[in-house]
Amino acid sequence: MSKYFKCTTNKPAVSYKCGEKIIFTVKSKANCLDVPYNFFEWTLKGDDGKDQSGIFKFDNFRPAVFETTLDRPGFVQLTISAKTNDGEDKSFDLLRAAAGAEIEKLEYCDTIPEDFDKYWEDIEKMIADHTPEILFKEELIVGVPEGYKAYDVRISVPCDGRPASGIFTVPEKEGKYPIRMIFRGYGANAPATIECKE
């Protein structure tokens, strides 16, 4: 399973006010356990035009903390890419996390493209015509709660590119259970976690 960066915010990510401090806290993980890395490059880009960037070096599992604000309604995005002295550390997934301030005040101020409806109709048809397939499945051993089995899975998607990926957790006890899906972050880059709970 790939390593990843887990990001949390100091309050619900889309509940900030303009000028309020937004705090991102980042830890490095693999299968729910803290793991080390060499260093990572980070950028913070806000809709108000404020951009920040830098390098954070591993420091005995100390979380990386980033603070910013938004001066007007909109979003700010944090991007983190793990590095080695030779370049990108491909054992870590790229992180894109975001937070918003007063997003209820955002207004649409452009014309709708002529092909808007056709574009989404084509997307819906592509999804409807696709039968998902399991491309990869490997049982996880470390960090799995007692009474459960967990699998690292990759599932085909109806377009070119990387497959959908996540952790699938099921109770060892047979029976019917509700499904709970958890997505890390608000973007489309982090894997989802799918759990079956008793």
N, C-alpha and C. Protein backbone atom coordinates (compact mmCIF):
# COMPACT_ATOMS: atom_id res chain seq x y z
N MET A 1 0.83 -1.20 0.00
CA MET A 1 0.00 0.00 0.00
C MET A 1 0.87 1.24 0.00
N SER A 2 0.47 2.25 -0.76
CA SER A 2 1.22 3.49 -0.81
C SER A 2 1.16 4.23 0.53
N LYS A 3 2.20 4.96 0.78
CA LYS A 3 2.21 5.86 1.93
C LYS A 3 1.47 7.14 1.54
N TYR A 4 1.00 7.88 2.52
CA TYR A 4 0.22 9.07 2.22
C TYR A 4 0.37 10.08 3.34
N PHE A 5 -0.06 11.30 3.07
CA PHE A 5 -0.07 12.36 4.06
C PHE A 5 -1.52 12.61 4.49
N LYS A 6 -1.75 12.57 5.79
CA LYS A 6 -3.09 12.81 6.34
C LYS A 6 -3.16 14.24 6.83
N CYS A 7 -4.13 14.98 6.34
CA CYS A 7 -4.27 16.40 6.67
C CYS A 7 -5.56 16.65 7.44
N THR A 8 -5.48 17.41 8.51
CA THR A 8 -6.65 17.83 9.26
C THR A 8 -6.63 19.35 9.40
N THR A 9 -7.80 19.93 9.60
CA THR A 9 -7.91 21.37 9.81
C THR A 9 -8.39 21.63 11.23
N ASN A 10 -8.16 22.85 11.73
CA ASN A 10 -8.49 23.17 13.11
C ASN A 10 -9.99 23.38 13.34
N LYS A 11 -10.79 23.34 12.28
CA LYS A 11 -12.25 23.35 12.37
C LYS A 11 -12.78 22.82 11.05
N PRO A 12 -14.09 22.56 10.92
CA PRO A 12 -14.60 22.06 9.65
C PRO A 12 -14.10 22.89 8.47
N ALA A 13 -13.65 22.20 7.43
CA ALA A 13 -12.83 22.84 6.39
C ALA A 13 -13.54 23.91 5.58
N VAL A 14 -14.86 23.91 5.55
CA VAL A 14 -15.57 24.95 4.78
C VAL A 14 -16.39 25.86 5.69
N SER A 15 -15.94 26.03 6.94
CA SER A 15 -16.70 26.82 7.90
C SER A 15 -15.97 28.10 8.32
N TYR A 16 -14.88 28.44 7.66
CA TYR A 16 -14.08 29.60 8.08
C TYR A 16 -14.73 30.91 7.63
N LYS A 17 -14.37 31.98 8.36
CA LYS A 17 -14.73 33.34 7.99
C LYS A 17 -13.53 34.01 7.34
N CYS A 18 -13.77 35.02 6.53
CA CYS A 18 -12.67 35.75 5.92
C CYS A 18 -11.81 36.38 7.02
N GLY A 19 -10.52 36.24 6.90
CA GLY A 19 -9.60 36.76 7.89
C GLY A 19 -9.33 35.83 9.05
N GLU A 20 -10.11 34.76 9.18
CA GLU A 20 -9.91 33.80 10.27
C GLU A 20 -8.74 32.88 9.95
N LYS A 21 -7.96 32.54 10.98
CA LYS A 21 -6.79 31.70 10.78
C LYS A 21 -7.20 30.29 10.39
N ILE A 22 -6.63 29.80 9.29
CA ILE A 22 -6.85 28.44 8.81
C ILE A 22 -5.58 27.65 9.10
N ILE A 23 -5.71 26.55 9.82
CA ILE A 23 -4.54 25.76 10.21
C ILE A 23 -4.65 24.35 9.64
N PHE A 24 -3.68 23.97 8.81
CA PHE A 24 -3.58 22.61 8.29
C PHE A 24 -2.51 21.87 9.11
N THR A 25 -2.84 20.68 9.59
CA THR A 25 -1.87 19.83 10.30
C THR A 25 -1.70 18.54 9.51
N VAL A 26 -0.45 18.21 9.20
CA VAL A 26 -0.17 17.09 8.29
C VAL A 26 0.73 16.07 8.97
N LYS A 27 0.33 14.78 8.85
CA LYS A 27 1.14 13.67 9.34
C LYS A 27 1.36 12.69 8.18
N SER A 28 2.47 11.95 8.23
CA SER A 28 2.76 10.94 7.21
C SER A 28 2.30 9.58 7.71
N LYS A 29 1.59 8.84 6.85
CA LYS A 29 0.96 7.60 7.27
C LYS A 29 1.16 6.48 6.26
N ALA A 30 0.99 5.26 6.75
CA ALA A 30 0.87 4.06 5.91
C ALA A 30 0.08 3.04 6.72
N ASN A 31 -1.07 2.64 6.19
CA ASN A 31 -1.91 1.66 6.90
C ASN A 31 -2.20 2.11 8.33
N CYS A 32 -2.54 3.40 8.47
CA CYS A 32 -2.95 4.02 9.75
C CYS A 32 -1.78 4.22 10.73
N LEU A 33 -0.56 3.88 10.35
CA LEU A 33 0.59 4.04 11.23
C LEU A 33 1.45 5.20 10.74
N ASP A 34 2.08 5.92 11.70
CA ASP A 34 3.01 6.98 11.34
C ASP A 34 4.24 6.39 10.67
N VAL A 35 4.71 7.03 9.60
CA VAL A 35 5.91 6.56 8.90
C VAL A 35 6.81 7.76 8.61
N PRO A 36 8.11 7.54 8.48
CA PRO A 36 9.03 8.63 8.19
C PRO A 36 9.11 8.94 6.69
N TYR A 37 9.69 10.07 6.36
CA TYR A 37 9.98 10.46 4.99
C TYR A 37 11.24 11.31 5.03
N ASN A 38 11.80 11.66 3.90
CA ASN A 38 12.98 12.51 3.86
C ASN A 38 12.60 13.98 4.05
N PHE A 39 11.91 14.51 3.07
CA PHE A 39 11.38 15.87 3.17
C PHE A 39 10.30 16.03 2.11
N PHE A 40 9.50 17.08 2.20
CA PHE A 40 8.50 17.31 1.17
C PHE A 40 8.44 18.79 0.80
N GLU A 41 8.04 19.04 -0.43
CA GLU A 41 7.78 20.39 -0.90
C GLU A 41 6.30 20.70 -0.70
N TRP A 42 5.99 21.92 -0.30
CA TRP A 42 4.60 22.29 -0.07
C TRP A 42 4.29 23.64 -0.69
N THR A 43 3.03 23.80 -1.09
CA THR A 43 2.54 25.08 -1.58
C THR A 43 1.17 25.34 -0.99
N LEU A 44 0.89 26.60 -0.71
CA LEU A 44 -0.43 27.06 -0.30
C LEU A 44 -0.87 28.12 -1.30
N LYS A 45 -1.99 27.88 -1.98
CA LYS A 45 -2.49 28.84 -2.97
C LYS A 45 -3.92 29.22 -2.63
N GLY A 46 -4.15 30.51 -2.44
CA GLY A 46 -5.48 30.98 -2.08
C GLY A 46 -6.15 31.74 -3.21
N ASP A 47 -7.48 31.71 -3.23
CA ASP A 47 -8.23 32.46 -4.24
C ASP A 47 -8.06 33.97 -4.08
N ASP A 48 -7.53 34.40 -2.93
CA ASP A 48 -7.28 35.83 -2.73
C ASP A 48 -5.93 36.25 -3.26
N GLY A 49 -5.20 35.32 -3.90
CA GLY A 49 -3.94 35.67 -4.53
C GLY A 49 -2.71 35.44 -3.67
N LYS A 50 -2.90 35.06 -2.42
CA LYS A 50 -1.75 34.81 -1.54
C LYS A 50 -1.20 33.41 -1.82
N ASP A 51 0.08 33.33 -2.18
CA ASP A 51 0.74 32.05 -2.43
C ASP A 51 1.94 31.92 -1.49
N GLN A 52 2.12 30.72 -0.94
CA GLN A 52 3.26 30.42 -0.10
C GLN A 52 3.83 29.07 -0.54
N SER A 53 5.12 28.85 -0.30
CA SER A 53 5.72 27.56 -0.63
C SER A 53 6.97 27.36 0.21
N GLY A 54 7.44 26.11 0.29
CA GLY A 54 8.64 25.84 1.06
C GLY A 54 8.95 24.36 1.10
N ILE A 55 9.90 24.01 1.94
CA ILE A 55 10.32 22.62 2.14
C ILE A 55 10.23 22.30 3.62
N PHE A 56 9.68 21.13 3.94
CA PHE A 56 9.57 20.68 5.33
C PHE A 56 10.34 19.37 5.45
N LYS A 57 11.30 19.32 6.37
CA LYS A 57 12.12 18.12 6.57
C LYS A 57 11.56 17.29 7.71
N PHE A 58 11.69 15.98 7.58
CA PHE A 58 11.21 15.05 8.60
C PHE A 58 11.90 15.34 9.93
N ASP A 59 11.10 15.36 11.01
CA ASP A 59 11.63 15.69 12.33
C ASP A 59 10.96 14.80 13.38
N ASN A 60 11.38 13.52 13.43
CA ASN A 60 10.94 12.61 14.47
C ASN A 60 9.41 12.58 14.62
N PHE A 61 8.71 12.46 13.49
CA PHE A 61 7.25 12.35 13.45
C PHE A 61 6.53 13.60 13.94
N ARG A 62 7.24 14.73 14.01
CA ARG A 62 6.57 15.98 14.38
C ARG A 62 5.64 16.40 13.23
N PRO A 63 4.36 16.66 13.52
CA PRO A 63 3.45 17.07 12.44
C PRO A 63 3.91 18.37 11.80
N ALA A 64 3.63 18.51 10.54
CA ALA A 64 3.86 19.77 9.83
C ALA A 64 2.61 20.63 9.97
N VAL A 65 2.77 21.88 10.36
CA VAL A 65 1.64 22.77 10.59
C VAL A 65 1.77 23.99 9.68
N PHE A 66 0.69 24.30 8.96
CA PHE A 66 0.68 25.43 8.03
C PHE A 66 -0.49 26.34 8.38
N GLU A 67 -0.23 27.64 8.47
CA GLU A 67 -1.26 28.61 8.83
C GLU A 67 -1.43 29.63 7.70
N THR A 68 -2.67 30.01 7.43
CA THR A 68 -2.94 31.01 6.42
C THR A 68 -4.30 31.63 6.71
N THR A 69 -4.71 32.59 5.90
CA THR A 69 -6.04 33.19 5.96
C THR A 69 -6.51 33.45 4.54
N LEU A 70 -7.80 33.69 4.39
CA LEU A 70 -8.37 34.13 3.13
C LEU A 70 -8.96 35.51 3.33
N ASP A 71 -8.60 36.46 2.48
CA ASP A 71 -9.08 37.83 2.63
C ASP A 71 -10.43 38.07 1.99
N ARG A 72 -10.89 37.12 1.21
CA ARG A 72 -12.21 37.22 0.57
C ARG A 72 -12.79 35.83 0.43
N PRO A 73 -14.09 35.71 0.18
CA PRO A 73 -14.69 34.38 0.05
C PRO A 73 -13.99 33.56 -1.03
N GLY A 74 -13.75 32.29 -0.72
CA GLY A 74 -13.08 31.42 -1.68
C GLY A 74 -12.40 30.25 -0.99
N PHE A 75 -11.41 29.69 -1.67
CA PHE A 75 -10.74 28.49 -1.18
C PHE A 75 -9.23 28.70 -1.15
N VAL A 76 -8.58 27.91 -0.31
CA VAL A 76 -7.13 27.82 -0.30
C VAL A 76 -6.76 26.35 -0.39
N GLN A 77 -5.75 26.03 -1.21
CA GLN A 77 -5.35 24.63 -1.42
C GLN A 77 -3.93 24.41 -0.95
N LEU A 78 -3.74 23.33 -0.19
CA LEU A 78 -2.43 22.89 0.25
C LEU A 78 -2.02 21.68 -0.59
N THR A 79 -0.84 21.75 -1.21
CA THR A 79 -0.30 20.64 -1.99
C THR A 79 1.02 20.20 -1.38
N ILE A 80 1.18 18.88 -1.20
CA ILE A 80 2.40 18.33 -0.61
C ILE A 80 2.90 17.19 -1.49
N SER A 81 4.19 17.23 -1.81
CA SER A 81 4.82 16.20 -2.62
C SER A 81 6.10 15.74 -1.93
N ALA A 82 6.14 14.44 -1.57
CA ALA A 82 7.31 13.89 -0.89
C ALA A 82 8.50 13.83 -1.85
N LYS A 83 9.69 14.09 -1.31
CA LYS A 83 10.89 14.14 -2.13
C LYS A 83 12.02 13.32 -1.50
N THR A 84 12.95 12.96 -2.36
CA THR A 84 14.25 12.41 -1.93
C THR A 84 15.32 13.30 -2.52
N ASN A 85 16.56 13.03 -2.20
CA ASN A 85 17.65 13.82 -2.78
C ASN A 85 17.74 13.65 -4.30
N ASP A 86 17.14 12.58 -4.81
CA ASP A 86 17.18 12.30 -6.24
C ASP A 86 15.94 12.77 -6.98
N GLY A 87 14.95 13.30 -6.25
CA GLY A 87 13.73 13.75 -6.92
C GLY A 87 12.48 13.36 -6.14
N GLU A 88 11.41 13.04 -6.86
CA GLU A 88 10.12 12.71 -6.24
C GLU A 88 10.17 11.36 -5.54
N ASP A 89 9.58 11.29 -4.34
CA ASP A 89 9.46 10.03 -3.61
C ASP A 89 8.12 9.41 -4.00
N LYS A 90 8.16 8.47 -4.95
CA LYS A 90 6.93 7.91 -5.51
C LYS A 90 6.25 6.92 -4.58
N SER A 91 6.87 6.61 -3.44
CA SER A 91 6.20 5.72 -2.48
C SER A 91 5.11 6.46 -1.72
N PHE A 92 5.07 7.80 -1.81
CA PHE A 92 4.04 8.60 -1.16
C PHE A 92 3.06 9.15 -2.19
N ASP A 93 1.77 9.10 -1.86
CA ASP A 93 0.76 9.74 -2.70
C ASP A 93 0.86 11.26 -2.57
N LEU A 94 0.60 11.94 -3.66
CA LEU A 94 0.51 13.40 -3.64
C LEU A 94 -0.69 13.82 -2.79
N LEU A 95 -0.51 14.85 -1.97
CA LEU A 95 -1.61 15.36 -1.16
C LEU A 95 -2.11 16.68 -1.71
N ARG A 96 -3.42 16.78 -1.89
CA ARG A 96 -4.06 18.06 -2.16
C ARG A 96 -5.21 18.19 -1.17
N ALA A 97 -5.13 19.18 -0.30
CA ALA A 97 -6.18 19.43 0.69
C ALA A 97 -6.62 20.88 0.55
N ALA A 98 -7.84 21.16 0.95
CA ALA A 98 -8.36 22.51 0.76
C ALA A 98 -9.27 22.92 1.90
N ALA A 99 -9.45 24.22 2.05
CA ALA A 99 -10.39 24.79 3.02
C ALA A 99 -11.01 26.02 2.39
N GLY A 100 -12.20 26.39 2.88
CA GLY A 100 -12.91 27.53 2.30
C GLY A 100 -13.38 28.51 3.34
N ALA A 101 -13.49 29.77 2.94
CA ALA A 101 -13.99 30.83 3.82
C ALA A 101 -15.21 31.49 3.19
N GLU A 102 -16.29 31.53 3.97
CA GLU A 102 -17.54 32.18 3.56
C GLU A 102 -17.93 31.78 2.13
N ILE A 103 -17.90 30.47 1.88
CA ILE A 103 -18.17 30.00 0.53
C ILE A 103 -19.62 30.22 0.11
N GLU A 104 -20.50 30.43 1.10
CA GLU A 104 -21.90 30.69 0.77
C GLU A 104 -22.06 32.02 0.03
N LYS A 105 -21.03 32.87 0.06
CA LYS A 105 -21.09 34.17 -0.61
C LYS A 105 -20.55 34.11 -2.03
N LEU A 106 -20.01 32.96 -2.43
CA LEU A 106 -19.50 32.84 -3.80
C LEU A 106 -20.66 32.87 -4.79
N GLU A 107 -20.46 33.57 -5.88
CA GLU A 107 -21.49 33.71 -6.89
C GLU A 107 -20.96 33.31 -8.26
N TYR A 108 -21.84 32.71 -9.05
CA TYR A 108 -21.48 32.34 -10.42
C TYR A 108 -21.60 33.58 -11.29
N CYS A 109 -20.52 33.94 -11.97
CA CYS A 109 -20.53 35.21 -12.72
C CYS A 109 -20.07 35.01 -14.16
N ASP A 110 -20.41 33.88 -14.74
CA ASP A 110 -20.00 33.60 -16.10
C ASP A 110 -21.16 32.95 -16.84
N THR A 111 -21.06 32.86 -18.14
CA THR A 111 -22.11 32.21 -18.92
C THR A 111 -21.87 30.70 -18.93
N ILE A 112 -22.96 29.93 -18.99
CA ILE A 112 -22.86 28.48 -19.04
C ILE A 112 -22.40 28.06 -20.43
N PRO A 113 -21.37 27.21 -20.55
CA PRO A 113 -20.90 26.78 -21.87
C PRO A 113 -22.01 26.09 -22.66
N GLU A 114 -21.95 26.22 -23.97
CA GLU A 114 -22.98 25.64 -24.82
C GLU A 114 -23.04 24.12 -24.71
N ASP A 115 -21.90 23.49 -24.47
CA ASP A 115 -21.85 22.03 -24.41
C ASP A 115 -21.96 21.50 -22.97
N PHE A 116 -22.41 22.34 -22.03
CA PHE A 116 -22.48 21.95 -20.62
C PHE A 116 -23.33 20.70 -20.41
N ASP A 117 -24.57 20.72 -20.91
CA ASP A 117 -25.47 19.58 -20.71
C ASP A 117 -24.95 18.33 -21.40
N LYS A 118 -24.43 18.46 -22.62
CA LYS A 118 -23.90 17.30 -23.35
C LYS A 118 -22.70 16.71 -22.63
N TYR A 119 -21.85 17.57 -22.09
CA TYR A 119 -20.67 17.09 -21.38
C TYR A 119 -21.07 16.16 -20.24
N TRP A 120 -22.03 16.59 -19.41
CA TRP A 120 -22.43 15.79 -18.26
C TRP A 120 -23.25 14.57 -18.68
N GLU A 121 -24.00 14.67 -19.77
CA GLU A 121 -24.70 13.50 -20.29
C GLU A 121 -23.70 12.42 -20.73
N ASP A 122 -22.61 12.86 -21.37
CA ASP A 122 -21.58 11.91 -21.81
C ASP A 122 -20.90 11.26 -20.60
N ILE A 123 -20.66 12.05 -19.55
CA ILE A 123 -20.05 11.50 -18.33
C ILE A 123 -20.96 10.45 -17.71
N GLU A 124 -22.25 10.76 -17.59
CA GLU A 124 -23.20 9.81 -17.00
C GLU A 124 -23.28 8.53 -17.83
N LYS A 125 -23.25 8.66 -19.16
CA LYS A 125 -23.31 7.48 -20.02
C LYS A 125 -22.04 6.65 -19.86
N MET A 126 -20.89 7.31 -19.77
CA MET A 126 -19.63 6.59 -19.61
C MET A 126 -19.63 5.78 -18.31
N ILE A 127 -20.16 6.36 -17.24
CA ILE A 127 -20.23 5.66 -15.96
C ILE A 127 -21.22 4.50 -16.03
N ALA A 128 -22.38 4.75 -16.66
CA ALA A 128 -23.41 3.70 -16.75
C ALA A 128 -22.93 2.51 -17.57
N ASP A 129 -22.09 2.75 -18.57
CA ASP A 129 -21.62 1.67 -19.45
C ASP A 129 -20.42 0.92 -18.88
N HIS A 130 -19.90 1.40 -17.75
CA HIS A 130 -18.68 0.79 -17.19
C HIS A 130 -19.02 -0.21 -16.10
N THR A 131 -18.40 -1.39 -16.17
CA THR A 131 -18.53 -2.40 -15.12
C THR A 131 -17.22 -2.43 -14.34
N PRO A 132 -17.22 -1.97 -13.08
CA PRO A 132 -15.97 -1.92 -12.31
C PRO A 132 -15.36 -3.31 -12.13
N GLU A 133 -14.03 -3.38 -12.19
CA GLU A 133 -13.31 -4.62 -11.98
C GLU A 133 -12.23 -4.40 -10.93
N ILE A 134 -12.01 -5.41 -10.09
CA ILE A 134 -10.93 -5.35 -9.11
C ILE A 134 -9.62 -5.67 -9.82
N LEU A 135 -8.72 -4.69 -9.87
CA LEU A 135 -7.45 -4.86 -10.56
C LEU A 135 -6.34 -5.37 -9.64
N PHE A 136 -6.51 -5.11 -8.35
CA PHE A 136 -5.48 -5.49 -7.39
C PHE A 136 -6.15 -5.64 -6.02
N LYS A 137 -5.74 -6.69 -5.28
CA LYS A 137 -6.29 -6.91 -3.94
C LYS A 137 -5.23 -7.62 -3.11
N GLU A 138 -4.85 -7.00 -2.01
CA GLU A 138 -3.82 -7.57 -1.14
C GLU A 138 -4.24 -7.40 0.32
N GLU A 139 -4.23 -8.48 1.07
CA GLU A 139 -4.64 -8.39 2.48
C GLU A 139 -3.60 -7.64 3.29
N LEU A 140 -4.06 -6.77 4.18
CA LEU A 140 -3.20 -6.01 5.08
C LEU A 140 -3.12 -6.71 6.42
N ILE A 141 -1.98 -6.65 7.05
CA ILE A 141 -1.78 -7.34 8.33
C ILE A 141 -1.57 -6.34 9.46
N VAL A 142 -0.73 -5.35 9.25
CA VAL A 142 -0.37 -4.40 10.31
C VAL A 142 -1.46 -3.35 10.48
N GLY A 143 -1.83 -3.05 11.73
CA GLY A 143 -2.77 -1.98 12.02
C GLY A 143 -4.22 -2.30 11.80
N VAL A 144 -4.57 -3.55 11.54
CA VAL A 144 -5.97 -3.95 11.29
C VAL A 144 -6.64 -4.23 12.63
N PRO A 145 -7.81 -3.60 12.91
CA PRO A 145 -8.50 -3.85 14.18
C PRO A 145 -8.85 -5.32 14.36
N GLU A 146 -8.84 -5.78 15.60
CA GLU A 146 -9.19 -7.17 15.89
C GLU A 146 -10.64 -7.43 15.48
N GLY A 147 -10.85 -8.57 14.85
CA GLY A 147 -12.19 -8.94 14.40
C GLY A 147 -12.50 -8.51 12.98
N TYR A 148 -11.51 -7.92 12.30
CA TYR A 148 -11.73 -7.44 10.94
C TYR A 148 -10.62 -7.94 10.02
N LYS A 149 -10.93 -7.96 8.75
CA LYS A 149 -9.93 -8.15 7.71
C LYS A 149 -9.90 -6.90 6.84
N ALA A 150 -8.70 -6.53 6.40
CA ALA A 150 -8.56 -5.33 5.59
C ALA A 150 -7.75 -5.63 4.34
N TYR A 151 -8.11 -4.96 3.24
CA TYR A 151 -7.45 -5.21 1.96
C TYR A 151 -7.12 -3.88 1.27
N ASP A 152 -5.95 -3.84 0.69
CA ASP A 152 -5.57 -2.75 -0.19
C ASP A 152 -6.11 -3.10 -1.57
N VAL A 153 -6.97 -2.24 -2.14
CA VAL A 153 -7.63 -2.58 -3.40
C VAL A 153 -7.45 -1.48 -4.44
N ARG A 154 -7.48 -1.88 -5.70
CA ARG A 154 -7.50 -0.98 -6.84
C ARG A 154 -8.66 -1.41 -7.72
N ILE A 155 -9.49 -0.44 -8.13
CA ILE A 155 -10.69 -0.73 -8.91
C ILE A 155 -10.66 0.07 -10.20
N SER A 156 -11.01 -0.56 -11.31
CA SER A 156 -10.98 0.12 -12.61
C SER A 156 -11.98 1.27 -12.64
N VAL A 157 -11.66 2.29 -13.42
CA VAL A 157 -12.53 3.45 -13.59
C VAL A 157 -12.87 3.58 -15.08
N PRO A 158 -13.94 4.30 -15.43
CA PRO A 158 -14.38 4.35 -16.83
C PRO A 158 -13.61 5.34 -17.69
N CYS A 159 -12.39 5.67 -17.32
CA CYS A 159 -11.59 6.58 -18.13
C CYS A 159 -10.13 6.23 -17.95
N ASP A 160 -9.28 6.78 -18.79
CA ASP A 160 -7.86 6.49 -18.71
C ASP A 160 -7.28 7.11 -17.44
N GLY A 161 -6.15 6.57 -17.00
CA GLY A 161 -5.50 7.12 -15.82
C GLY A 161 -5.44 6.13 -14.68
N ARG A 162 -5.14 6.66 -13.48
CA ARG A 162 -4.98 5.80 -12.32
C ARG A 162 -6.32 5.21 -11.89
N PRO A 163 -6.33 3.97 -11.41
CA PRO A 163 -7.59 3.37 -10.92
C PRO A 163 -7.98 3.99 -9.59
N ALA A 164 -9.22 3.78 -9.20
CA ALA A 164 -9.64 4.16 -7.85
C ALA A 164 -8.96 3.23 -6.86
N SER A 165 -8.54 3.77 -5.71
CA SER A 165 -7.83 2.94 -4.74
C SER A 165 -8.33 3.24 -3.34
N GLY A 166 -8.16 2.27 -2.45
CA GLY A 166 -8.61 2.48 -1.09
C GLY A 166 -8.36 1.26 -0.23
N ILE A 167 -8.83 1.34 1.00
CA ILE A 167 -8.75 0.22 1.94
C ILE A 167 -10.15 -0.31 2.17
N PHE A 168 -10.33 -1.58 1.96
CA PHE A 168 -11.63 -2.24 2.14
C PHE A 168 -11.56 -3.08 3.41
N THR A 169 -12.42 -2.76 4.38
CA THR A 169 -12.40 -3.43 5.67
C THR A 169 -13.73 -4.15 5.91
N VAL A 170 -13.65 -5.42 6.30
CA VAL A 170 -14.87 -6.20 6.53
C VAL A 170 -14.76 -6.96 7.84
N PRO A 171 -15.88 -7.14 8.55
CA PRO A 171 -15.86 -7.96 9.77
C PRO A 171 -15.57 -9.42 9.43
N GLU A 172 -14.85 -10.10 10.30
CA GLU A 172 -14.60 -11.53 10.09
C GLU A 172 -15.87 -12.35 10.31
N LYS A 173 -16.75 -11.87 11.16
CA LYS A 173 -18.00 -12.57 11.44
C LYS A 173 -18.95 -12.42 10.25
N GLU A 174 -19.52 -13.54 9.80
CA GLU A 174 -20.42 -13.50 8.65
C GLU A 174 -21.71 -12.78 9.01
N GLY A 175 -22.32 -12.15 8.01
CA GLY A 175 -23.58 -11.45 8.22
C GLY A 175 -23.73 -10.30 7.26
N LYS A 176 -24.86 -9.59 7.37
CA LYS A 176 -25.11 -8.42 6.54
C LYS A 176 -24.82 -7.17 7.37
N TYR A 177 -24.07 -6.23 6.76
CA TYR A 177 -23.67 -5.02 7.48
C TYR A 177 -23.86 -3.80 6.59
N PRO A 178 -24.13 -2.65 7.21
CA PRO A 178 -24.18 -1.41 6.41
C PRO A 178 -22.78 -1.03 5.94
N ILE A 179 -22.71 -0.31 4.85
CA ILE A 179 -21.42 0.13 4.29
C ILE A 179 -21.20 1.61 4.63
N ARG A 180 -20.00 1.92 5.06
CA ARG A 180 -19.62 3.31 5.30
C ARG A 180 -18.40 3.63 4.45
N MET A 181 -18.48 4.72 3.68
CA MET A 181 -17.37 5.14 2.85
C MET A 181 -16.78 6.44 3.40
N ILE A 182 -15.46 6.48 3.53
CA ILE A 182 -14.77 7.65 4.05
C ILE A 182 -13.76 8.11 3.01
N PHE A 183 -13.83 9.38 2.63
CA PHE A 183 -12.89 9.95 1.68
C PHE A 183 -11.96 10.90 2.43
N ARG A 184 -10.66 10.68 2.26
CA ARG A 184 -9.70 11.56 2.92
C ARG A 184 -9.61 12.86 2.15
N GLY A 185 -9.99 13.96 2.79
CA GLY A 185 -9.87 15.26 2.16
C GLY A 185 -11.05 15.60 1.27
N TYR A 186 -10.96 16.74 0.58
CA TYR A 186 -12.04 17.26 -0.24
C TYR A 186 -11.72 17.22 -1.72
N GLY A 187 -10.57 16.63 -2.10
CA GLY A 187 -10.20 16.56 -3.50
C GLY A 187 -10.45 15.20 -4.08
N ALA A 188 -9.92 15.00 -5.29
CA ALA A 188 -10.11 13.73 -5.98
C ALA A 188 -8.83 12.93 -6.04
N ASN A 189 -7.85 13.28 -5.22
CA ASN A 189 -6.54 12.66 -5.32
C ASN A 189 -6.28 11.61 -4.27
N ALA A 190 -6.87 11.76 -3.11
CA ALA A 190 -6.59 10.81 -2.04
C ALA A 190 -7.46 9.58 -2.17
N PRO A 191 -6.97 8.39 -1.78
CA PRO A 191 -7.77 7.18 -1.84
C PRO A 191 -8.93 7.22 -0.86
N ALA A 192 -9.97 6.48 -1.16
CA ALA A 192 -11.11 6.36 -0.26
C ALA A 192 -10.94 5.15 0.63
N THR A 193 -11.56 5.20 1.80
CA THR A 193 -11.60 4.05 2.67
C THR A 193 -13.03 3.55 2.72
N ILE A 194 -13.23 2.26 2.46
CA ILE A 194 -14.57 1.66 2.47
C ILE A 194 -14.61 0.65 3.62
N GLU A 195 -15.55 0.85 4.53
CA GLU A 195 -15.60 -0.01 5.71
C GLU A 195 -16.98 -0.65 5.84
N CYS A 196 -17.01 -1.88 6.30
CA CYS A 196 -18.26 -2.53 6.68
C CYS A 196 -18.22 -2.69 8.19
N LYS A 197 -19.12 -2.02 8.88
CA LYS A 197 -19.13 -2.05 10.34
C LYS A 197 -20.30 -2.86 10.87
N GLU A 198 -20.09 -3.48 12.05
CA GLU A 198 -21.18 -4.21 12.68
C GLU A 198 -22.19 -3.22 13.24
